[in-house]
C-alpha atoms as a PDB file:
ATOM      1  CA  UNK A   1      94.304 107.940 103.376  1.00  0.00           C
ATOM      2  CA  UNK A   2      92.717 105.412 101.036  1.00  0.00           C
ATOM      3  CA  UNK A   3      89.343 103.676 100.884  1.00  0.00           C
ATOM      4  CA  UNK A   4      88.082 100.519  99.186  1.00  0.00           C
ATOM      5  CA  UNK A   5      86.383 101.138  95.838  1.00  0.00           C
ATOM      6  CA  UNK A   6      83.345  99.504  94.290  1.00  0.00           C
ATOM      7  CA  UNK A   7      85.460  97.143  92.174  1.00  0.00           C
ATOM      8  CA  UNK A   8      87.472  94.370  93.809  1.00  0.00           C
ATOM      9  CA  UNK A   9      91.105  95.361  94.554  1.00  0.00           C
ATOM     10  CA  UNK A  10      90.391  98.949  93.528  1.00  0.00           C
ATOM     11  CA  UNK A  11      91.816 101.615  95.838  1.00  0.00           C
ATOM     12  CA  UNK A  12      90.427 105.152  95.892  1.00  0.00           C
ATOM     13  CA  UNK A  13      93.056 107.642  97.070  1.00  0.00           C
ATOM     14  CA  UNK A  14      91.466 110.586  98.840  1.00  0.00           C
ATOM     15  CA  UNK A  15      94.700 112.346  99.879  1.00  0.00           C
ATOM     16  CA  UNK A  16      95.916 115.532  98.167  1.00  0.00           C
ATOM     17  CA  UNK A  17      99.628 115.720  99.062  1.00  0.00           C
ATOM     18  CA  UNK A  18     100.221 118.727  96.795  1.00  0.00           C
ATOM     19  CA  UNK A  19      97.398 120.628  98.504  1.00  0.00           C
ATOM     20  CA  UNK A  20      96.912 119.207 101.992  1.00  0.00           C
ATOM     21  CA  UNK A  21      98.785 120.581 104.960  1.00  0.00           C
ATOM     22  CA  UNK A  22     100.357 118.890 107.971  1.00  0.00           C
ATOM     23  CA  UNK A  23     102.955 116.719 106.245  1.00  0.00           C
ATOM     24  CA  UNK A  24     105.687 118.449 108.257  1.00  0.00           C
ATOM     25  CA  UNK A  25     104.145 117.273 111.538  1.00  0.00           C
ATOM     26  CA  UNK A  26     106.343 115.015 113.728  1.00  0.00           C
ATOM     27  CA  UNK A  27     106.033 111.325 112.881  1.00  0.00           C
ATOM     28  CA  UNK A  28     104.413 111.781 109.448  1.00  0.00           C
ATOM     29  CA  UNK A  29     107.653 111.215 107.510  1.00  0.00           C
ATOM     30  CA  UNK A  30     108.482 108.083 109.526  1.00  0.00           C
ATOM     31  CA  UNK A  31     105.028 106.606 108.851  1.00  0.00           C
ATOM     32  CA  UNK A  32     105.377 107.308 105.106  1.00  0.00           C
ATOM     33  CA  UNK A  33     108.841 105.701 104.982  1.00  0.00           C
ATOM     34  CA  UNK A  34     107.530 102.630 106.815  1.00  0.00           C
ATOM     35  CA  UNK A  35     104.666 102.279 104.303  1.00  0.00           C
ATOM     36  CA  UNK A  36     107.093 102.558 101.358  1.00  0.00           C
ATOM     37  CA  UNK A  37     109.399  99.912 102.863  1.00  0.00           C
ATOM     38  CA  UNK A  38     106.469  97.564 103.441  1.00  0.00           C
ATOM     39  CA  UNK A  39     105.307  98.022  99.826  1.00  0.00           C
ATOM     40  CA  UNK A  40     108.880  97.414  98.609  1.00  0.00           C
ATOM     41  CA  UNK A  41     109.082  94.127 100.508  1.00  0.00           C
ATOM     42  CA  UNK A  42     105.815  92.925  98.988  1.00  0.00           C
ATOM     43  CA  UNK A  43     106.667  94.085  95.441  1.00  0.00           C
ATOM     44  CA  UNK A  44     107.570  91.375  92.971  1.00  0.00           C
ATOM     45  CA  UNK A  45     108.933  92.555  89.593  1.00  0.00           C
ATOM     46  CA  UNK A  46     107.119  91.129  86.579  1.00  0.00           C
ATOM     47  CA  UNK A  47     109.483  92.352  83.866  1.00  0.00           C
ATOM     48  CA  UNK A  48     113.103  91.491  83.129  1.00  0.00           C
ATOM     49  CA  UNK A  49     114.678  94.891  82.372  1.00  0.00           C
ATOM     50  CA  UNK A  50     117.935  93.205  81.218  1.00  0.00           C
ATOM     51  CA  UNK A  51     116.299  90.887  78.685  1.00  0.00           C
ATOM     52  CA  UNK A  52     117.905  92.748  75.746  1.00  0.00           C
ATOM     53  CA  UNK A  53     121.419  91.872  77.029  1.00  0.00           C
ATOM     54  CA  UNK A  54     123.181  88.684  76.004  1.00  0.00           C
ATOM     55  CA  UNK A  55     123.605  85.983  78.618  1.00  0.00           C
ATOM     56  CA  UNK A  56     127.007  86.304  80.389  1.00  0.00           C
ATOM     57  CA  UNK A  57     129.583  83.550  79.857  1.00  0.00           C
ATOM     58  CA  UNK A  58     131.148  83.068  83.269  1.00  0.00           C
ATOM     59  CA  UNK A  59     133.378  80.233  82.055  1.00  0.00           C
ATOM     60  CA  UNK A  60     135.129  82.275  79.343  1.00  0.00           C
ATOM     61  CA  UNK A  61     138.254  82.823  81.458  1.00  0.00           C
ATOM     62  CA  UNK A  62     138.385  79.422  83.154  1.00  0.00           C
ATOM     63  CA  UNK A  63     141.359  77.159  82.505  1.00  0.00           C
ATOM     64  CA  UNK A  64     141.198  73.373  82.571  1.00  0.00           C
ATOM     65  CA  UNK A  65     142.822  73.319  85.992  1.00  0.00           C
ATOM     66  CA  UNK A  66     140.338  75.827  87.366  1.00  0.00           C
ATOM     67  CA  UNK A  67     137.414  73.930  85.829  1.00  0.00           C
ATOM     68  CA  UNK A  68     138.611  70.643  87.321  1.00  0.00           C
ATOM     69  CA  UNK A  69     139.092  72.241  90.703  1.00  0.00           C
ATOM     70  CA  UNK A  70     135.597  73.784  90.605  1.00  0.00           C
ATOM     71  CA  UNK A  71     134.145  70.389  89.746  1.00  0.00           C
ATOM     72  CA  UNK A  72     136.044  68.800  92.643  1.00  0.00           C
ATOM     73  CA  UNK A  73     134.735  71.440  95.065  1.00  0.00           C
ATOM     74  CA  UNK A  74     131.164  71.028  93.757  1.00  0.00           C
ATOM     75  CA  UNK A  75     131.429  67.243  94.309  1.00  0.00           C
ATOM     76  CA  UNK A  76     132.864  67.855  97.812  1.00  0.00           C
ATOM     77  CA  UNK A  77     135.878  65.666  97.038  1.00  0.00           C
ATOM     78  CA  UNK A  78     139.077  66.021  99.080  1.00  0.00           C
ATOM     79  CA  UNK A  79     142.208  67.391  97.491  1.00  0.00           C
ATOM     80  CA  UNK A  80     144.661  64.817  96.175  1.00  0.00           C
ATOM     81  CA  UNK A  81     147.656  64.326  98.459  1.00  0.00           C
ATOM     82  CA  UNK A  82     151.207  63.409  97.457  1.00  0.00           C
ATOM     83  CA  UNK A  83     150.827  59.790  98.542  1.00  0.00           C
ATOM     84  CA  UNK A  84     153.155  58.590  95.755  1.00  0.00           C
ATOM     85  CA  UNK A  85     156.163  60.782  96.549  1.00  0.00           C
ATOM     86  CA  UNK A  86     158.562  57.847  96.150  1.00  0.00           C
ATOM     87  CA  UNK A  87     157.032  56.619  92.868  1.00  0.00           C
ATOM     88  CA  UNK A  88     159.319  57.613  89.965  1.00  0.00           C
ATOM     89  CA  UNK A  89     156.544  57.014  87.451  1.00  0.00           C
ATOM     90  CA  UNK A  90     154.239  59.394  89.319  1.00  0.00           C
ATOM     91  CA  UNK A  91     156.937  62.057  89.401  1.00  0.00           C
ATOM     92  CA  UNK A  92     157.557  61.582  85.678  1.00  0.00           C
ATOM     93  CA  UNK A  93     153.835  62.045  85.015  1.00  0.00           C
ATOM     94  CA  UNK A  94     153.902  65.179  87.151  1.00  0.00           C
ATOM     95  CA  UNK A  95     156.866  66.572  85.205  1.00  0.00           C
ATOM     96  CA  UNK A  96     155.178  65.783  81.902  1.00  0.00           C
ATOM     97  CA  UNK A  97     152.003  67.458  83.121  1.00  0.00           C
ATOM     98  CA  UNK A  98     153.977  70.512  84.224  1.00  0.00           C
ATOM     99  CA  UNK A  99     155.658  70.720  80.833  1.00  0.00           C
ATOM    100  CA  UNK A 100     152.290  70.421  79.119  1.00  0.00           C
ATOM    101  CA  UNK A 101     150.881  73.188  81.323  1.00  0.00           C
ATOM    102  CA  UNK A 102     153.917  75.339  80.615  1.00  0.00           C
ATOM    103  CA  UNK A 103     153.483  74.801  76.877  1.00  0.00           C
ATOM    104  CA  UNK A 104     149.802  75.584  77.267  1.00  0.00           C
ATOM    105  CA  UNK A 105     150.620  78.849  79.038  1.00  0.00           C
ATOM    106  CA  UNK A 106     153.178  79.657  76.333  1.00  0.00           C
ATOM    107  CA  UNK A 107     150.561  79.147  73.642  1.00  0.00           C
ATOM    108  CA  UNK A 108     148.125  81.325  75.572  1.00  0.00           C
ATOM    109  CA  UNK A 109     150.758  84.053  75.832  1.00  0.00           C
ATOM    110  CA  UNK A 110     151.316  83.913  72.077  1.00  0.00           C
ATOM    111  CA  UNK A 111     147.571  84.080  71.511  1.00  0.00           C
ATOM    112  CA  UNK A 112     147.322  87.122  73.739  1.00  0.00           C
ATOM    113  CA  UNK A 113     150.112  88.795  71.780  1.00  0.00           C
ATOM    114  CA  UNK A 114     148.352  87.994  68.512  1.00  0.00           C
ATOM    115  CA  UNK A 115     145.088  89.348  69.937  1.00  0.00           C
ATOM    116  CA  UNK A 116     146.794  92.564  71.006  1.00  0.00           C
ATOM    117  CA  UNK A 117     148.076  92.972  67.450  1.00  0.00           C
ATOM    118  CA  UNK A 118     145.106  91.795  65.435  1.00  0.00           C
ATOM    119  CA  UNK A 119     142.105  91.823  67.783  1.00  0.00           C
ATOM    120  CA  UNK A 120     141.352  95.541  67.835  1.00  0.00           C
ATOM    121  CA  UNK A 121     138.520  95.323  65.343  1.00  0.00           C
ATOM    122  CA  UNK A 122     136.684  92.773  67.451  1.00  0.00           C
ATOM    123  CA  UNK A 123     136.986  94.988  70.515  1.00  0.00           C
ATOM    124  CA  UNK A 124     135.958  98.003  68.451  1.00  0.00           C
ATOM    125  CA  UNK A 125     132.776  96.257  67.326  1.00  0.00           C
ATOM    126  CA  UNK A 126     132.102  95.119  70.875  1.00  0.00           C
ATOM    127  CA  UNK A 127     132.624  98.633  72.231  1.00  0.00           C
ATOM    128  CA  UNK A 128     130.393 100.119  69.538  1.00  0.00           C
ATOM    129  CA  UNK A 129     127.631  97.655  70.407  1.00  0.00           C
ATOM    130  CA  UNK A 130     128.106  98.428  74.079  1.00  0.00           C
ATOM    131  CA  UNK A 131     127.862 102.169  73.392  1.00  0.00           C
ATOM    132  CA  UNK A 132     124.659 101.632  71.402  1.00  0.00           C
ATOM    133  CA  UNK A 133     123.146  99.602  74.242  1.00  0.00           C
ATOM    134  CA  UNK A 134     124.086 102.278  76.785  1.00  0.00           C
ATOM    135  CA  UNK A 135     122.614 105.024  74.591  1.00  0.00           C
ATOM    136  CA  UNK A 136     119.440 103.009  74.152  1.00  0.00           C
ATOM    137  CA  UNK A 137     119.202 102.463  77.913  1.00  0.00           C
ATOM    138  CA  UNK A 138     119.728 106.194  78.535  1.00  0.00           C
ATOM    139  CA  UNK A 139     116.964 107.084  76.073  1.00  0.00           C
ATOM    140  CA  UNK A 140     114.590 104.640  77.707  1.00  0.00           C
ATOM    141  CA  UNK A 141     115.493 106.077  81.107  1.00  0.00           C
ATOM    142  CA  UNK A 142     114.817 109.612  79.859  1.00  0.00           C
ATOM    143  CA  UNK A 143     111.435 108.514  78.513  1.00  0.00           C
ATOM    144  CA  UNK A 144     110.626 106.907  81.849  1.00  0.00           C
ATOM    145  CA  UNK A 145     111.634 110.029  83.760  1.00  0.00           C
ATOM    146  CA  UNK A 146     109.568 112.196  81.392  1.00  0.00           C
ATOM    147  CA  UNK A 147     106.590 109.898  81.943  1.00  0.00           C
ATOM    148  CA  UNK A 148     106.917 110.181  85.724  1.00  0.00           C
ATOM    149  CA  UNK A 149     107.337 113.957  85.525  1.00  0.00           C
ATOM    150  CA  UNK A 150     104.199 114.277  83.390  1.00  0.00           C
ATOM    151  CA  UNK A 151     102.321 111.963  85.734  1.00  0.00           C
ATOM    152  CA  UNK A 152     103.359 113.940  88.811  1.00  0.00           C
ATOM    153  CA  UNK A 153     102.486 117.213  87.093  1.00  0.00           C
ATOM    154  CA  UNK A 154      99.065 115.861  86.153  1.00  0.00           C
ATOM    155  CA  UNK A 155      98.479 114.618  89.693  1.00  0.00           C
ATOM    156  CA  UNK A 156      99.535 117.981  91.097  1.00  0.00           C
ATOM    157  CA  UNK A 157      97.138 119.905  88.808  1.00  0.00           C
ATOM    158  CA  UNK A 158      94.270 117.539  89.621  1.00  0.00           C
ATOM    159  CA  UNK A 159      94.887 117.836  93.344  1.00  0.00           C
ATOM    160  CA  UNK A 160      95.197 121.624  93.246  1.00  0.00           C
ATOM    161  CA  UNK A 161      91.931 121.822  91.304  1.00  0.00           C
ATOM    162  CA  UNK A 162      90.210 119.451  93.704  1.00  0.00           C
ATOM    163  CA  UNK A 163      91.598 121.376  96.685  1.00  0.00           C
ATOM    164  CA  UNK A 164      90.318 124.685  95.340  1.00  0.00           C
ATOM    165  CA  UNK A 165      86.916 123.132  94.721  1.00  0.00           C
ATOM    166  CA  UNK A 166      86.832 121.753  98.266  1.00  0.00           C
ATOM    167  CA  UNK A 167      87.789 125.139  99.671  1.00  0.00           C
ATOM    168  CA  UNK A 168      85.059 126.814  97.614  1.00  0.00           C
ATOM    169  CA  UNK A 169      82.474 124.261  98.788  1.00  0.00           C
ATOM    170  CA  UNK A 170      83.609 124.734 102.385  1.00  0.00           C
ATOM    171  CA  UNK A 171      83.226 128.510 102.038  1.00  0.00           C
ATOM    172  CA  UNK A 172      79.720 128.070 100.596  1.00  0.00           C
ATOM    173  CA  UNK A 173      78.818 125.724 103.451  1.00  0.00           C
ATOM    174  CA  UNK A 174      79.985 128.251 106.052  1.00  0.00           C
ATOM    175  CA  UNK A 175      78.003 130.991 104.281  1.00  0.00           C
ATOM    176  CA  UNK A 176      74.827 128.874 104.221  1.00  0.00           C
ATOM    177  CA  UNK A 177      75.198 127.959 107.888  1.00  0.00           C
ATOM    178  CA  UNK A 178      75.629 131.640 108.747  1.00  0.00           C
ATOM    179  CA  UNK A 179      72.524 132.564 106.737  1.00  0.00           C
ATOM    180  CA  UNK A 180      70.482 129.824 108.429  1.00  0.00           C
ATOM    181  CA  UNK A 181      71.618 131.091 111.815  1.00  0.00           C
ATOM    182  CA  UNK A 182      70.555 134.656 110.936  1.00  0.00           C
ATOM    183  CA  UNK A 183      67.176 133.412 109.684  1.00  0.00           C
ATOM    184  CA  UNK A 184      66.602 131.410 112.875  1.00  0.00           C
ATOM    185  CA  UNK A 185      67.564 134.431 114.984  1.00  0.00           C
ATOM    186  CA  UNK A 186      65.187 136.654 112.992  1.00  0.00           C
ATOM    187  CA  UNK A 187      62.374 134.116 113.469  1.00  0.00           C
ATOM    188  CA  UNK A 188      62.967 134.088 117.229  1.00  0.00           C
ATOM    189  CA  UNK A 189      62.854 137.881 117.318  1.00  0.00           C
ATOM    190  CA  UNK A 190      59.622 137.947 115.286  1.00  0.00           C
ATOM    191  CA  UNK A 191      58.062 135.349 117.581  1.00  0.00           C
ATOM    192  CA  UNK A 192      58.971 137.476 120.610  1.00  0.00           C
ATOM    193  CA  UNK A 193      57.521 140.577 118.976  1.00  0.00           C
ATOM    194  CA  UNK A 194      54.304 138.707 118.085  1.00  0.00           C
ATOM    195  CA  UNK A 195      54.044 137.405 121.638  1.00  0.00           C
ATOM    196  CA  UNK A 196      54.491 140.914 123.036  1.00  0.00           C
ATOM    197  CA  UNK A 197      51.868 142.312 120.647  1.00  0.00           C
ATOM    198  CA  UNK A 198      49.432 139.556 121.610  1.00  0.00           C
ATOM    199  CA  UNK A 199      50.039 140.312 125.296  1.00  0.00           C
ATOM    200  CA  UNK A 200      49.472 144.031 124.692  1.00  0.00           C
ATOM    201  CA  UNK A 201      46.246 143.327 122.783  1.00  0.00           C
ATOM    202  CA  UNK A 202      45.081 141.027 125.561  1.00  0.00           C
ATOM    203  CA  UNK A 203      45.676 143.686 128.199  1.00  0.00           C
ATOM    204  CA  UNK A 204      43.882 146.255 126.036  1.00  0.00           C
ATOM    205  CA  UNK A 205      40.851 143.955 125.651  1.00  0.00           C
ATOM    206  CA  UNK A 206      40.724 143.379 129.370  1.00  0.00           C
ATOM    207  CA  UNK A 207      40.830 147.147 130.006  1.00  0.00           C
ATOM    208  CA  UNK A 208      38.021 147.756 127.509  1.00  0.00           C
ATOM    209  CA  UNK A 209      35.891 145.104 129.201  1.00  0.00           C
ATOM    210  CA  UNK A 210      36.455 146.748 132.605  1.00  0.00           C
ATOM    211  CA  UNK A 211      35.515 150.138 131.253  1.00  0.00           C
ATOM    212  CA  UNK A 212      32.342 148.754 129.634  1.00  0.00           C
ATOM    213  CA  UNK A 213      31.401 147.029 132.894  1.00  0.00           C
ATOM    214  CA  UNK A 214      31.810 150.220 134.896  1.00  0.00           C
ATOM    215  CA  UNK A 215      29.614 152.159 132.450  1.00  0.00           C
ATOM    216  CA  UNK A 216      26.870 149.640 132.844  1.00  0.00           C
END
């Protein structure tokens, strides 16, 4: 349960989940899960937790053919058909283009071989940086977990203390109510005794008056 505080947008939580009972009742878990899902839908992150990472280069492995094809798809242009199948010049241009692409692939293969022979240091530096980033992220995660553990422990201690205080106050209230009841019962008994004494005195006075009258 929660109530509105004195300050705008302030929420005062009056539930003690570490102390209160009844959370195992049917339907309670479903209601809690529904509240968490509703809060998750309304939550909007305000911090970029990946800001320390470099921006990814998605075009690093794109070839010229792939880039041209992506541009054609983005422009919604149809694919080029072989409308010049009988044009010798067009076929010659196609062969030349194929040879250029083959040479390009050959050069790329040679570059890959050179990288496999001489590019270890670059990958080593990259891997070392990646390891450092992962270690840093793990440390930050451990700090965050420790913070949440301390927060939950503090909340638990506060709620247990508040629960004990409430139980003590409830016990005092029951004791005071019992004492008030005993006092009221004693008062009623005293009033009855006083009434009986007054009746007895009244009867005695009447008897004395009768006796005095008879003597006269």
